[in-house]
Amino acid sequence: MSESRARARAIVNDDDSQRMYRRVTRELLADEDVDVDFTPDGLLVRGRLFAFLDGTELVVQVQATRASDLLSRGVVCSFNGGGRTSRNWVRVSDLQLWSELAREAHEHVGKPPVGRQS
């Protein structure tokens, strides 16, 4: 992780992350082209979780290749859910990336399975 990212991560507090999470949620809910449900567990599309707040970090589900790229560049950290590291779920500490990666996660998770239109 770069020094500037590490410094930015260190100064994020609960209030900042809560505010940013609410902002990202409002942005997604206000977008008529985006189908999002807000639940206590996180943000859902088609009934599937795509993003949630964990402490001061946003956790999102992106394509495995995208997660690998972001991890290799030190942009995100891996997410360990249920005692094992996920290929698709990553932790995002940089608040400036939350909106972009939440939208990317929404698009990834919201796509219908191959061969199905709905």
PDB file of N, CA and C in Angstrom:
ATOM      1  N   MET A   1       0.854  -1.170   0.000  1.00  0.00           N
ATOM      2  CA  MET A   1       0.000   0.000   0.000  1.00  0.00           C
ATOM      3  C   MET A   1       0.899   1.231   0.000  1.00  0.00           C
ATOM      4  N   SER A   2       0.568   2.230  -0.820  1.00  0.00           N
ATOM      5  CA  SER A   2       1.388   3.429  -0.888  1.00  0.00           C
ATOM      6  C   SER A   2       1.288   4.199   0.422  1.00  0.00           C
ATOM      7  N   GLU A   3       2.284   5.039   0.662  1.00  0.00           N
ATOM      8  CA  GLU A   3       2.310   5.817   1.902  1.00  0.00           C
ATOM      9  C   GLU A   3       1.105   6.736   2.002  1.00  0.00           C
ATOM     10  N   SER A   4       0.726   7.383   0.868  1.00  0.00           N
ATOM     11  CA  SER A   4      -0.410   8.303   0.901  1.00  0.00           C
ATOM     12  C   SER A   4      -1.714   7.554   1.185  1.00  0.00           C
ATOM     13  N   ARG A   5      -1.877   6.350   0.633  1.00  0.00           N
ATOM     14  CA  ARG A   5      -3.079   5.558   0.905  1.00  0.00           C
ATOM     15  C   ARG A   5      -3.106   5.113   2.355  1.00  0.00           C
ATOM     16  N   ALA A   6      -1.969   4.720   2.873  1.00  0.00           N
ATOM     17  CA  ALA A   6      -1.894   4.302   4.272  1.00  0.00           C
ATOM     18  C   ALA A   6      -2.243   5.468   5.191  1.00  0.00           C
ATOM     19  N   ARG A   7      -1.755   6.667   4.860  1.00  0.00           N
ATOM     20  CA  ARG A   7      -2.050   7.853   5.656  1.00  0.00           C
ATOM     21  C   ARG A   7      -3.543   8.173   5.585  1.00  0.00           C
ATOM     22  N   ALA A   8      -4.117   8.111   4.365  1.00  0.00           N
ATOM     23  CA  ALA A   8      -5.542   8.396   4.195  1.00  0.00           C
ATOM     24  C   ALA A   8      -6.377   7.392   4.981  1.00  0.00           C
ATOM     25  N   ARG A   9      -5.967   6.141   4.964  1.00  0.00           N
ATOM     26  CA  ARG A   9      -6.689   5.111   5.699  1.00  0.00           C
ATOM     27  C   ARG A   9      -6.637   5.369   7.198  1.00  0.00           C
ATOM     28  N   ALA A  10      -5.518   5.842   7.672  1.00  0.00           N
ATOM     29  CA  ALA A  10      -5.332   6.055   9.101  1.00  0.00           C
ATOM     30  C   ALA A  10      -6.212   7.182   9.643  1.00  0.00           C
ATOM     31  N   ILE A  11      -6.545   8.174   8.806  1.00  0.00           N
ATOM     32  CA  ILE A  11      -7.306   9.316   9.310  1.00  0.00           C
ATOM     33  C   ILE A  11      -8.809   9.178   9.121  1.00  0.00           C
ATOM     34  N   VAL A  12      -9.268   8.128   8.476  1.00  0.00           N
ATOM     35  CA  VAL A  12     -10.700   7.920   8.315  1.00  0.00           C
ATOM     36  C   VAL A  12     -11.270   7.469   9.648  1.00  0.00           C
ATOM     37  N   ASN A  13     -12.345   8.135  10.065  1.00  0.00           N
ATOM     38  CA  ASN A  13     -12.973   7.735  11.324  1.00  0.00           C
ATOM     39  C   ASN A  13     -14.405   7.270  11.064  1.00  0.00           C
ATOM     40  N   ASP A  14     -15.056   6.804  12.109  1.00  0.00           N
ATOM     41  CA  ASP A  14     -16.411   6.274  11.961  1.00  0.00           C
ATOM     42  C   ASP A  14     -17.380   7.310  11.398  1.00  0.00           C
ATOM     43  N   ASP A  15     -17.289   8.553  11.850  1.00  0.00           N
ATOM     44  CA  ASP A  15     -18.194   9.593  11.359  1.00  0.00           C
ATOM     45  C   ASP A  15     -18.015   9.824   9.864  1.00  0.00           C
ATOM     46  N   ASP A  16     -16.748   9.909   9.417  1.00  0.00           N
ATOM     47  CA  ASP A  16     -16.470  10.102   7.986  1.00  0.00           C
ATOM     48  C   ASP A  16     -17.045   8.958   7.169  1.00  0.00           C
ATOM     49  N   SER A  17     -16.795   7.741   7.609  1.00  0.00           N
ATOM     50  CA  SER A  17     -17.246   6.588   6.840  1.00  0.00           C
ATOM     51  C   SER A  17     -18.771   6.474   6.853  1.00  0.00           C
ATOM     52  N   GLN A  18     -19.409   6.773   7.969  1.00  0.00           N
ATOM     53  CA  GLN A  18     -20.874   6.746   8.036  1.00  0.00           C
ATOM     54  C   GLN A  18     -21.472   7.785   7.081  1.00  0.00           C
ATOM     55  N   ARG A  19     -20.896   8.983   7.092  1.00  0.00           N
ATOM     56  CA  ARG A  19     -21.378  10.047   6.198  1.00  0.00           C
ATOM     57  C   ARG A  19     -21.221   9.643   4.736  1.00  0.00           C
ATOM     58  N   MET A  20     -20.062   9.103   4.394  1.00  0.00           N
ATOM     59  CA  MET A  20     -19.817   8.716   3.006  1.00  0.00           C
ATOM     60  C   MET A  20     -20.724   7.553   2.596  1.00  0.00           C
ATOM     61  N   TYR A  21     -20.937   6.609   3.481  1.00  0.00           N
ATOM     62  CA  TYR A  21     -21.823   5.487   3.177  1.00  0.00           C
ATOM     63  C   TYR A  21     -23.243   5.994   2.916  1.00  0.00           C
ATOM     64  N   ARG A  22     -23.709   6.915   3.738  1.00  0.00           N
ATOM     65  CA  ARG A  22     -25.046   7.494   3.516  1.00  0.00           C
ATOM     66  C   ARG A  22     -25.087   8.240   2.189  1.00  0.00           C
ATOM     67  N   ARG A  23     -24.022   8.951   1.868  1.00  0.00           N
ATOM     68  CA  ARG A  23     -23.968   9.695   0.601  1.00  0.00           C
ATOM     69  C   ARG A  23     -24.027   8.748  -0.600  1.00  0.00           C
ATOM     70  N   VAL A  24     -23.219   7.708  -0.575  1.00  0.00           N
ATOM     71  CA  VAL A  24     -23.207   6.732  -1.671  1.00  0.00           C
ATOM     72  C   VAL A  24     -24.580   6.067  -1.783  1.00  0.00           C
ATOM     73  N   THR A  25     -25.170   5.725  -0.659  1.00  0.00           N
ATOM     74  CA  THR A  25     -26.493   5.102  -0.658  1.00  0.00           C
ATOM     75  C   THR A  25     -27.526   6.034  -1.267  1.00  0.00           C
ATOM     76  N   ARG A  26     -27.508   7.303  -0.860  1.00  0.00           N
ATOM     77  CA  ARG A  26     -28.454   8.284  -1.421  1.00  0.00           C
ATOM     78  C   ARG A  26     -28.257   8.442  -2.919  1.00  0.00           C
ATOM     79  N   GLU A  27     -27.000   8.489  -3.371  1.00  0.00           N
ATOM     80  CA  GLU A  27     -26.719   8.610  -4.808  1.00  0.00           C
ATOM     81  C   GLU A  27     -27.333   7.451  -5.586  1.00  0.00           C
ATOM     82  N   LEU A  28     -27.130   6.247  -5.079  1.00  0.00           N
ATOM     83  CA  LEU A  28     -27.655   5.070  -5.768  1.00  0.00           C
ATOM     84  C   LEU A  28     -29.180   5.034  -5.736  1.00  0.00           C
ATOM     85  N   LEU A  29     -29.776   5.355  -4.596  1.00  0.00           N
ATOM     86  CA  LEU A  29     -31.226   5.344  -4.492  1.00  0.00           C
ATOM     87  C   LEU A  29     -31.875   6.420  -5.356  1.00  0.00           C
ATOM     88  N   ALA A  30     -31.191   7.544  -5.550  1.00  0.00           N
ATOM     89  CA  ALA A  30     -31.739   8.644  -6.346  1.00  0.00           C
ATOM     90  C   ALA A  30     -31.619   8.411  -7.855  1.00  0.00           C
ATOM     91  N   ASP A  31     -30.760   7.515  -8.263  1.00  0.00           N
ATOM     92  CA  ASP A  31     -30.536   7.241  -9.683  1.00  0.00           C
ATOM     93  C   ASP A  31     -31.653   6.345 -10.203  1.00  0.00           C
ATOM     94  N   GLU A  32     -32.472   6.882 -11.111  1.00  0.00           N
ATOM     95  CA  GLU A  32     -33.607   6.128 -11.640  1.00  0.00           C
ATOM     96  C   GLU A  32     -33.178   4.901 -12.438  1.00  0.00           C
ATOM     97  N   ASP A  33     -31.962   4.887 -12.946  1.00  0.00           N
ATOM     98  CA  ASP A  33     -31.471   3.770 -13.741  1.00  0.00           C
ATOM     99  C   ASP A  33     -30.863   2.653 -12.893  1.00  0.00           C
ATOM    100  N   VAL A  34     -30.851   2.832 -11.580  1.00  0.00           N
ATOM    101  CA  VAL A  34     -30.220   1.869 -10.686  1.00  0.00           C
ATOM    102  C   VAL A  34     -31.280   1.278  -9.758  1.00  0.00           C
ATOM    103  N   ASP A  35     -31.338  -0.038  -9.704  1.00  0.00           N
ATOM    104  CA  ASP A  35     -32.266  -0.750  -8.826  1.00  0.00           C
ATOM    105  C   ASP A  35     -31.511  -1.152  -7.565  1.00  0.00           C
ATOM    106  N   VAL A  36     -31.801  -0.471  -6.445  1.00  0.00           N
ATOM    107  CA  VAL A  36     -31.083  -0.724  -5.195  1.00  0.00           C
ATOM    108  C   VAL A  36     -32.068  -0.810  -4.048  1.00  0.00           C
ATOM    109  N   ASP A  37     -31.815  -1.750  -3.161  1.00  0.00           N
ATOM    110  CA  ASP A  37     -32.551  -1.837  -1.902  1.00  0.00           C
ATOM    111  C   ASP A  37     -31.564  -1.601  -0.778  1.00  0.00           C
ATOM    112  N   PHE A  38     -31.955  -0.775   0.173  1.00  0.00           N
ATOM    113  CA  PHE A  38     -31.127  -0.500   1.341  1.00  0.00           C
ATOM    114  C   PHE A  38     -31.661  -1.332   2.497  1.00  0.00           C
ATOM    115  N   THR A  39     -30.794  -2.129   3.106  1.00  0.00           N
ATOM    116  CA  THR A  39     -31.183  -2.965   4.243  1.00  0.00           C
ATOM    117  C   THR A  39     -30.160  -2.761   5.357  1.00  0.00           C
ATOM    118  N   PRO A  40     -30.461  -3.208   6.558  1.00  0.00           N
ATOM    119  CA  PRO A  40     -29.471  -3.116   7.642  1.00  0.00           C
ATOM    120  C   PRO A  40     -28.183  -3.897   7.330  1.00  0.00           C
ATOM    121  N   ASP A  41     -28.291  -4.912   6.477  1.00  0.00           N
ATOM    122  CA  ASP A  41     -27.111  -5.710   6.121  1.00  0.00           C
ATOM    123  C   ASP A  41     -26.251  -5.048   5.052  1.00  0.00           C
ATOM    124  N   GLY A  42     -26.830  -4.143   4.270  1.00  0.00           N
ATOM    125  CA  GLY A  42     -26.081  -3.485   3.210  1.00  0.00           C
ATOM    126  C   GLY A  42     -26.960  -3.154   2.026  1.00  0.00           C
ATOM    127  N   LEU A  43     -26.331  -2.971   0.882  1.00  0.00           N
ATOM    128  CA  LEU A  43     -27.029  -2.595  -0.340  1.00  0.00           C
ATOM    129  C   LEU A  43     -27.249  -3.832  -1.204  1.00  0.00           C
ATOM    130  N   LEU A  44     -28.480  -3.963  -1.705  1.00  0.00           N
ATOM    131  CA  LEU A  44     -28.857  -5.132  -2.494  1.00  0.00           C
ATOM    132  C   LEU A  44     -29.298  -4.728  -3.890  1.00  0.00           C
ATOM    133  N   VAL A  45     -29.049  -5.612  -4.855  1.00  0.00           N
ATOM    134  CA  VAL A  45     -29.598  -5.502  -6.191  1.00  0.00           C
ATOM    135  C   VAL A  45     -30.141  -6.883  -6.537  1.00  0.00           C
ATOM    136  N   ARG A  46     -31.386  -6.929  -7.005  1.00  0.00           N
ATOM    137  CA  ARG A  46     -32.035  -8.210  -7.315  1.00  0.00           C
ATOM    138  C   ARG A  46     -31.992  -9.167  -6.119  1.00  0.00           C
ATOM    139  N   GLY A  47     -32.042  -8.586  -4.909  1.00  0.00           N
ATOM    140  CA  GLY A  47     -32.031  -9.385  -3.698  1.00  0.00           C
ATOM    141  C   GLY A  47     -30.665  -9.914  -3.289  1.00  0.00           C
ATOM    142  N   ARG A  48     -29.631  -9.488  -3.997  1.00  0.00           N
ATOM    143  CA  ARG A  48     -28.272  -9.956  -3.705  1.00  0.00           C
ATOM    144  C   ARG A  48     -27.419  -8.811  -3.176  1.00  0.00           C
ATOM    145  N   LEU A  49     -26.670  -9.087  -2.123  1.00  0.00           N
ATOM    146  CA  LEU A  49     -25.794  -8.102  -1.498  1.00  0.00           C
ATOM    147  C   LEU A  49     -24.654  -7.741  -2.435  1.00  0.00           C
ATOM    148  N   PHE A  50     -24.396  -6.429  -2.602  1.00  0.00           N
ATOM    149  CA  PHE A  50     -23.260  -6.015  -3.421  1.00  0.00           C
ATOM    150  C   PHE A  50     -22.318  -5.071  -2.692  1.00  0.00           C
ATOM    151  N   ALA A  51     -22.761  -4.470  -1.594  1.00  0.00           N
ATOM    152  CA  ALA A  51     -21.897  -3.558  -0.839  1.00  0.00           C
ATOM    153  C   ALA A  51     -22.419  -3.420   0.587  1.00  0.00           C
ATOM    154  N   PHE A  52     -21.477  -3.229   1.515  1.00  0.00           N
ATOM    155  CA  PHE A  52     -21.857  -2.977   2.901  1.00  0.00           C
ATOM    156  C   PHE A  52     -20.711  -2.285   3.616  1.00  0.00           C
ATOM    157  N   LEU A  53     -21.056  -1.645   4.712  1.00  0.00           N
ATOM    158  CA  LEU A  53     -20.076  -0.946   5.527  1.00  0.00           C
ATOM    159  C   LEU A  53     -19.588  -1.887   6.620  1.00  0.00           C
ATOM    160  N   ASP A  54     -18.277  -1.987   6.763  1.00  0.00           N
ATOM    161  CA  ASP A  54     -17.676  -2.814   7.810  1.00  0.00           C
ATOM    162  C   ASP A  54     -16.657  -1.940   8.534  1.00  0.00           C
ATOM    163  N   GLY A  55     -17.042  -1.440   9.705  1.00  0.00           N
ATOM    164  CA  GLY A  55     -16.175  -0.510  10.420  1.00  0.00           C
ATOM    165  C   GLY A  55     -16.066   0.784   9.635  1.00  0.00           C
ATOM    166  N   THR A  56     -14.865   1.136   9.240  1.00  0.00           N
ATOM    167  CA  THR A  56     -14.654   2.365   8.463  1.00  0.00           C
ATOM    168  C   THR A  56     -14.385   2.076   6.989  1.00  0.00           C
ATOM    169  N   GLU A  57     -14.642   0.857   6.547  1.00  0.00           N
ATOM    170  CA  GLU A  57     -14.364   0.489   5.160  1.00  0.00           C
ATOM    171  C   GLU A  57     -15.627   0.016   4.454  1.00  0.00           C
ATOM    172  N   LEU A  58     -15.680   0.312   3.159  1.00  0.00           N
ATOM    173  CA  LEU A  58     -16.742  -0.198   2.313  1.00  0.00           C
ATOM    174  C   LEU A  58     -16.276  -1.535   1.757  1.00  0.00           C
ATOM    175  N   VAL A  59     -17.131  -2.527   1.822  1.00  0.00           N
ATOM    176  CA  VAL A  59     -16.823  -3.842   1.255  1.00  0.00           C
ATOM    177  C   VAL A  59     -17.728  -4.022   0.045  1.00  0.00           C
ATOM    178  N   VAL A  60     -17.134  -4.334  -1.101  1.00  0.00           N
ATOM    179  CA  VAL A  60     -17.887  -4.480  -2.350  1.00  0.00           C
ATOM    180  C   VAL A  60     -17.526  -5.785  -3.044  1.00  0.00           C
ATOM    181  N   GLN A  61     -18.466  -6.269  -3.850  1.00  0.00           N
ATOM    182  CA  GLN A  61     -18.217  -7.460  -4.655  1.00  0.00           C
ATOM    183  C   GLN A  61     -18.021  -7.031  -6.101  1.00  0.00           C
ATOM    184  N   VAL A  62     -16.838  -7.293  -6.637  1.00  0.00           N
ATOM    185  CA  VAL A  62     -16.516  -6.974  -8.025  1.00  0.00           C
ATOM    186  C   VAL A  62     -16.051  -8.254  -8.723  1.00  0.00           C
ATOM    187  N   GLN A  63     -15.865  -8.177 -10.022  1.00  0.00           N
ATOM    188  CA  GLN A  63     -15.362  -9.339 -10.756  1.00  0.00           C
ATOM    189  C   GLN A  63     -14.004  -9.746 -10.203  1.00  0.00           C
ATOM    190  N   ALA A  64     -13.724 -11.035 -10.223  1.00  0.00           N
ATOM    191  CA  ALA A  64     -12.467 -11.554  -9.666  1.00  0.00           C
ATOM    192  C   ALA A  64     -11.248 -10.910 -10.323  1.00  0.00           C
ATOM    193  N   THR A  65     -11.292 -10.684 -11.627  1.00  0.00           N
ATOM    194  CA  THR A  65     -10.145 -10.072 -12.311  1.00  0.00           C
ATOM    195  C   THR A  65      -9.959  -8.624 -11.859  1.00  0.00           C
ATOM    196  N   ARG A  66     -11.057  -7.937 -11.651  1.00  0.00           N
ATOM    197  CA  ARG A  66     -10.987  -6.548 -11.181  1.00  0.00           C
ATOM    198  C   ARG A  66     -10.457  -6.505  -9.747  1.00  0.00           C
ATOM    199  N   ALA A  67     -10.933  -7.421  -8.902  1.00  0.00           N
ATOM    200  CA  ALA A  67     -10.453  -7.483  -7.520  1.00  0.00           C
ATOM    201  C   ALA A  67      -8.953  -7.744  -7.502  1.00  0.00           C
ATOM    202  N   SER A  68      -8.500  -8.672  -8.326  1.00  0.00           N
ATOM    203  CA  SER A  68      -7.076  -8.999  -8.401  1.00  0.00           C
ATOM    204  C   SER A  68      -6.250  -7.783  -8.819  1.00  0.00           C
ATOM    205  N   ASP A  69      -6.747  -7.043  -9.808  1.00  0.00           N
ATOM    206  CA  ASP A  69      -6.053  -5.839 -10.279  1.00  0.00           C
ATOM    207  C   ASP A  69      -5.975  -4.787  -9.173  1.00  0.00           C
ATOM    208  N   LEU A  70      -7.091  -4.531  -8.504  1.00  0.00           N
ATOM    209  CA  LEU A  70      -7.115  -3.530  -7.440  1.00  0.00           C
ATOM    210  C   LEU A  70      -6.208  -3.936  -6.283  1.00  0.00           C
ATOM    211  N   LEU A  71      -6.205  -5.223  -5.947  1.00  0.00           N
ATOM    212  CA  LEU A  71      -5.344  -5.726  -4.877  1.00  0.00           C
ATOM    213  C   LEU A  71      -3.872  -5.592  -5.243  1.00  0.00           C
ATOM    214  N   SER A  72      -3.529  -5.926  -6.473  1.00  0.00           N
ATOM    215  CA  SER A  72      -2.118  -5.873  -6.887  1.00  0.00           C
ATOM    216  C   SER A  72      -1.577  -4.448  -6.904  1.00  0.00           C
ATOM    217  N   ARG A  73      -2.457  -3.468  -7.120  1.00  0.00           N
ATOM    218  CA  ARG A  73      -2.038  -2.062  -7.127  1.00  0.00           C
ATOM    219  C   ARG A  73      -2.146  -1.423  -5.746  1.00  0.00           C
ATOM    220  N   GLY A  74      -2.616  -2.170  -4.762  1.00  0.00           N
ATOM    221  CA  GLY A  74      -2.719  -1.638  -3.409  1.00  0.00           C
ATOM    222  C   GLY A  74      -3.864  -0.664  -3.209  1.00  0.00           C
ATOM    223  N   VAL A  75      -4.837  -0.695  -4.101  1.00  0.00           N
ATOM    224  CA  VAL A  75      -5.978   0.217  -4.020  1.00  0.00           C
ATOM    225  C   VAL A  75      -6.985  -0.261  -2.980  1.00  0.00           C
ATOM    226  N   VAL A  76      -7.092  -1.572  -2.807  1.00  0.00           N
ATOM    227  CA  VAL A  76      -8.021  -2.181  -1.866  1.00  0.00           C
ATOM    228  C   VAL A  76      -7.288  -3.247  -1.057  1.00  0.00           C
ATOM    229  N   CYS A  77      -7.968  -3.776  -0.060  1.00  0.00           N
ATOM    230  CA  CYS A  77      -7.446  -4.897   0.732  1.00  0.00           C
ATOM    231  C   CYS A  77      -8.396  -6.077   0.553  1.00  0.00           C
ATOM    232  N   SER A  78      -7.886  -7.264   0.761  1.00  0.00           N
ATOM    233  CA  SER A  78      -8.742  -8.439   0.637  1.00  0.00           C
ATOM    234  C   SER A  78      -9.752  -8.474   1.779  1.00  0.00           C
ATOM    235  N   PHE A  79     -10.858  -9.139   1.536  1.00  0.00           N
ATOM    236  CA  PHE A  79     -11.904  -9.298   2.530  1.00  0.00           C
ATOM    237  C   PHE A  79     -11.968 -10.758   2.936  1.00  0.00           C
ATOM    238  N   ASN A  80     -11.922 -10.992   4.216  1.00  0.00           N
ATOM    239  CA  ASN A  80     -12.034 -12.344   4.758  1.00  0.00           C
ATOM    240  C   ASN A  80     -13.419 -12.505   5.357  1.00  0.00           C
ATOM    241  N   GLY A  81     -14.260 -13.238   4.679  1.00  0.00           N
ATOM    242  CA  GLY A  81     -15.601 -13.491   5.177  1.00  0.00           C
ATOM    243  C   GLY A  81     -15.751 -14.952   5.535  1.00  0.00           C
ATOM    244  N   GLY A  82     -16.260 -15.217   6.693  1.00  0.00           N
ATOM    245  CA  GLY A  82     -16.447 -16.590   7.114  1.00  0.00           C
ATOM    246  C   GLY A  82     -15.143 -17.349   7.291  1.00  0.00           C
ATOM    247  N   GLY A  83     -14.070 -16.623   7.602  1.00  0.00           N
ATOM    248  CA  GLY A  83     -12.795 -17.272   7.861  1.00  0.00           C
ATOM    249  C   GLY A  83     -11.940 -17.545   6.639  1.00  0.00           C
ATOM    250  N   ARG A  84     -12.399 -17.130   5.462  1.00  0.00           N
ATOM    251  CA  ARG A  84     -11.574 -17.344   4.279  1.00  0.00           C
ATOM    252  C   ARG A  84     -11.596 -16.109   3.377  1.00  0.00           C
ATOM    253  N   THR A  85     -10.544 -15.945   2.615  1.00  0.00           N
ATOM    254  CA  THR A  85     -10.423 -14.790   1.727  1.00  0.00           C
ATOM    255  C   THR A  85     -11.270 -15.006   0.480  1.00  0.00           C
ATOM    256  N   SER A  86     -12.017 -13.987   0.113  1.00  0.00           N
ATOM    257  CA  SER A  86     -12.876 -14.046  -1.062  1.00  0.00           C
ATOM    258  C   SER A  86     -12.142 -13.537  -2.294  1.00  0.00           C
ATOM    259  N   ARG A  87     -12.423 -14.130  -3.438  1.00  0.00           N
ATOM    260  CA  ARG A  87     -11.834 -13.664  -4.700  1.00  0.00           C
ATOM    261  C   ARG A  87     -12.516 -12.403  -5.206  1.00  0.00           C
ATOM    262  N   ASN A  88     -13.794 -12.232  -4.859  1.00  0.00           N
ATOM    263  CA  ASN A  88     -14.578 -11.132  -5.416  1.00  0.00           C
ATOM    264  C   ASN A  88     -14.842  -9.981  -4.456  1.00  0.00           C
ATOM    265  N   TRP A  89     -14.810 -10.243  -3.170  1.00  0.00           N
ATOM    266  CA  TRP A  89     -15.112  -9.209  -2.185  1.00  0.00           C
ATOM    267  C   TRP A  89     -13.826  -8.527  -1.738  1.00  0.00           C
ATOM    268  N   VAL A  90     -13.844  -7.184  -1.752  1.00  0.00           N
ATOM    269  CA  VAL A  90     -12.677  -6.410  -1.332  1.00  0.00           C
ATOM    270  C   VAL A  90     -13.096  -5.296  -0.390  1.00  0.00           C
ATOM    271  N   ARG A  91     -12.153  -4.842   0.421  1.00  0.00           N
ATOM    272  CA  ARG A  91     -12.356  -3.748   1.375  1.00  0.00           C
ATOM    273  C   ARG A  91     -11.767  -2.474   0.773  1.00  0.00           C
ATOM    274  N   VAL A  92     -12.530  -1.399   0.805  1.00  0.00           N
ATOM    275  CA  VAL A  92     -12.104  -0.122   0.234  1.00  0.00           C
ATOM    276  C   VAL A  92     -12.025   0.903   1.355  1.00  0.00           C
ATOM    277  N   SER A  93     -10.834   1.404   1.614  1.00  0.00           N
ATOM    278  CA  SER A  93     -10.689   2.403   2.679  1.00  0.00           C
ATOM    279  C   SER A  93     -10.671   3.827   2.127  1.00  0.00           C
ATOM    280  N   ASP A  94     -10.304   4.013   0.875  1.00  0.00           N
ATOM    281  CA  ASP A  94     -10.233   5.344   0.271  1.00  0.00           C
ATOM    282  C   ASP A  94     -11.648   5.830  -0.047  1.00  0.00           C
ATOM    283  N   LEU A  95     -12.135   6.788   0.740  1.00  0.00           N
ATOM    284  CA  LEU A  95     -13.501   7.288   0.591  1.00  0.00           C
ATOM    285  C   LEU A  95     -13.794   7.815  -0.810  1.00  0.00           C
ATOM    286  N   GLN A  96     -12.799   8.339  -1.470  1.00  0.00           N
ATOM    287  CA  GLN A  96     -12.999   8.898  -2.808  1.00  0.00           C
ATOM    288  C   GLN A  96     -13.350   7.832  -3.840  1.00  0.00           C
ATOM    289  N   LEU A  97     -13.073   6.581  -3.553  1.00  0.00           N
ATOM    290  CA  LEU A  97     -13.362   5.492  -4.487  1.00  0.00           C
ATOM    291  C   LEU A  97     -14.693   4.797  -4.213  1.00  0.00           C
ATOM    292  N   TRP A  98     -15.325   5.123  -3.100  1.00  0.00           N
ATOM    293  CA  TRP A  98     -16.523   4.396  -2.700  1.00  0.00           C
ATOM    294  C   TRP A  98     -17.642   4.461  -3.727  1.00  0.00           C
ATOM    295  N   SER A  99     -17.961   5.633  -4.231  1.00  0.00           N
ATOM    296  CA  SER A  99     -19.073   5.761  -5.173  1.00  0.00           C
ATOM    297  C   SER A  99     -18.797   4.959  -6.443  1.00  0.00           C
ATOM    298  N   GLU A 100     -17.613   5.121  -6.988  1.00  0.00           N
ATOM    299  CA  GLU A 100     -17.240   4.414  -8.227  1.00  0.00           C
ATOM    300  C   GLU A 100     -17.295   2.898  -8.040  1.00  0.00           C
ATOM    301  N   LEU A 101     -16.705   2.402  -6.964  1.00  0.00           N
ATOM    302  CA  LEU A 101     -16.657   0.956  -6.768  1.00  0.00           C
ATOM    303  C   LEU A 101     -18.007   0.389  -6.343  1.00  0.00           C
ATOM    304  N   ALA A 102     -18.824   1.167  -5.658  1.00  0.00           N
ATOM    305  CA  ALA A 102     -20.180   0.712  -5.324  1.00  0.00           C
ATOM    306  C   ALA A 102     -21.001   0.554  -6.594  1.00  0.00           C
ATOM    307  N   ARG A 103     -20.881   1.493  -7.514  1.00  0.00           N
ATOM    308  CA  ARG A 103     -21.597   1.392  -8.798  1.00  0.00           C
ATOM    309  C   ARG A 103     -21.093   0.200  -9.611  1.00  0.00           C
ATOM    310  N   GLU A 104     -19.799   0.010  -9.601  1.00  0.00           N
ATOM    311  CA  GLU A 104     -19.213  -1.133 -10.306  1.00  0.00           C
ATOM    312  C   GLU A 104     -19.716  -2.444  -9.707  1.00  0.00           C
ATOM    313  N   ALA A 105     -19.772  -2.513  -8.385  1.00  0.00           N
ATOM    314  CA  ALA A 105     -20.273  -3.710  -7.711  1.00  0.00           C
ATOM    315  C   ALA A 105     -21.748  -3.933  -8.036  1.00  0.00           C
ATOM    316  N   HIS A 106     -22.520  -2.859  -8.048  1.00  0.00           N
ATOM    317  CA  HIS A 106     -23.943  -2.952  -8.387  1.00  0.00           C
ATOM    318  C   HIS A 106     -24.123  -3.545  -9.780  1.00  0.00           C
ATOM    319  N   GLU A 107     -23.344  -3.043 -10.720  1.00  0.00           N
ATOM    320  CA  GLU A 107     -23.441  -3.538 -12.097  1.00  0.00           C
ATOM    321  C   GLU A 107     -23.042  -5.013 -12.176  1.00  0.00           C
ATOM    322  N   HIS A 108     -21.961  -5.371 -11.501  1.00  0.00           N
ATOM    323  CA  HIS A 108     -21.483  -6.754 -11.530  1.00  0.00           C
ATOM    324  C   HIS A 108     -22.503  -7.724 -10.924  1.00  0.00           C
ATOM    325  N   VAL A 109     -22.990  -7.416  -9.746  1.00  0.00           N
ATOM    326  CA  VAL A 109     -23.903  -8.319  -9.048  1.00  0.00           C
ATOM    327  C   VAL A 109     -25.290  -8.307  -9.680  1.00  0.00           C
ATOM    328  N   GLY A 110     -25.685  -7.180 -10.250  1.00  0.00           N
ATOM    329  CA  GLY A 110     -27.024  -7.036 -10.806  1.00  0.00           C
ATOM    330  C   GLY A 110     -27.242  -7.649 -12.170  1.00  0.00           C
ATOM    331  N   LYS A 111     -26.174  -8.082 -12.826  1.00  0.00           N
ATOM    332  CA  LYS A 111     -26.331  -8.694 -14.147  1.00  0.00           C
ATOM    333  C   LYS A 111     -27.039 -10.031 -14.012  1.00  0.00           C
ATOM    334  N   PRO A 112     -27.996 -10.299 -14.909  1.00  0.00           N
ATOM    335  CA  PRO A 112     -28.640 -11.613 -14.850  1.00  0.00           C
ATOM    336  C   PRO A 112     -27.641 -12.703 -15.237  1.00  0.00           C
ATOM    337  N   PRO A 113     -27.831 -13.911 -14.712  1.00  0.00           N
ATOM    338  CA  PRO A 113     -26.952 -15.009 -15.093  1.00  0.00           C
ATOM    339  C   PRO A 113     -26.962 -15.223 -16.606  1.00  0.00           C
ATOM    340  N   VAL A 114     -25.891 -15.705 -17.148  1.00  0.00           N
ATOM    341  CA  VAL A 114     -25.780 -15.951 -18.591  1.00  0.00           C
ATOM    342  C   VAL A 114     -26.923 -16.848 -19.031  1.00  0.00           C
ATOM    343  N   GLY A 115     -27.563 -16.437 -20.119  1.00  0.00           N
ATOM    344  CA  GLY A 115     -28.665 -17.226 -20.664  1.00  0.00           C
ATOM    345  C   GLY A 115     -30.027 -16.857 -20.111  1.00  0.00           C
ATOM    346  N   ARG A 116     -30.061 -15.933 -19.166  1.00  0.00           N
ATOM    347  CA  ARG A 116     -31.326 -15.494 -18.592  1.00  0.00           C
ATOM    348  C   ARG A 116     -31.468 -13.992 -18.805  1.00  0.00           C
ATOM    349  N   GLN A 117     -32.665 -13.581 -19.125  1.00  0.00           N
ATOM    350  CA  GLN A 117     -32.898 -12.174 -19.389  1.00  0.00           C
ATOM    351  C   GLN A 117     -33.495 -11.438 -18.199  1.00  0.00           C
ATOM    352  N   SER A 118     -33.976 -12.164 -17.211  1.00  0.00           N
ATOM    353  CA  SER A 118     -34.573 -11.488 -16.054  1.00  0.00           C
ATOM    354  C   SER A 118     -34.263 -12.213 -14.777  1.00  0.00           C
TER     355      SER A 118
END
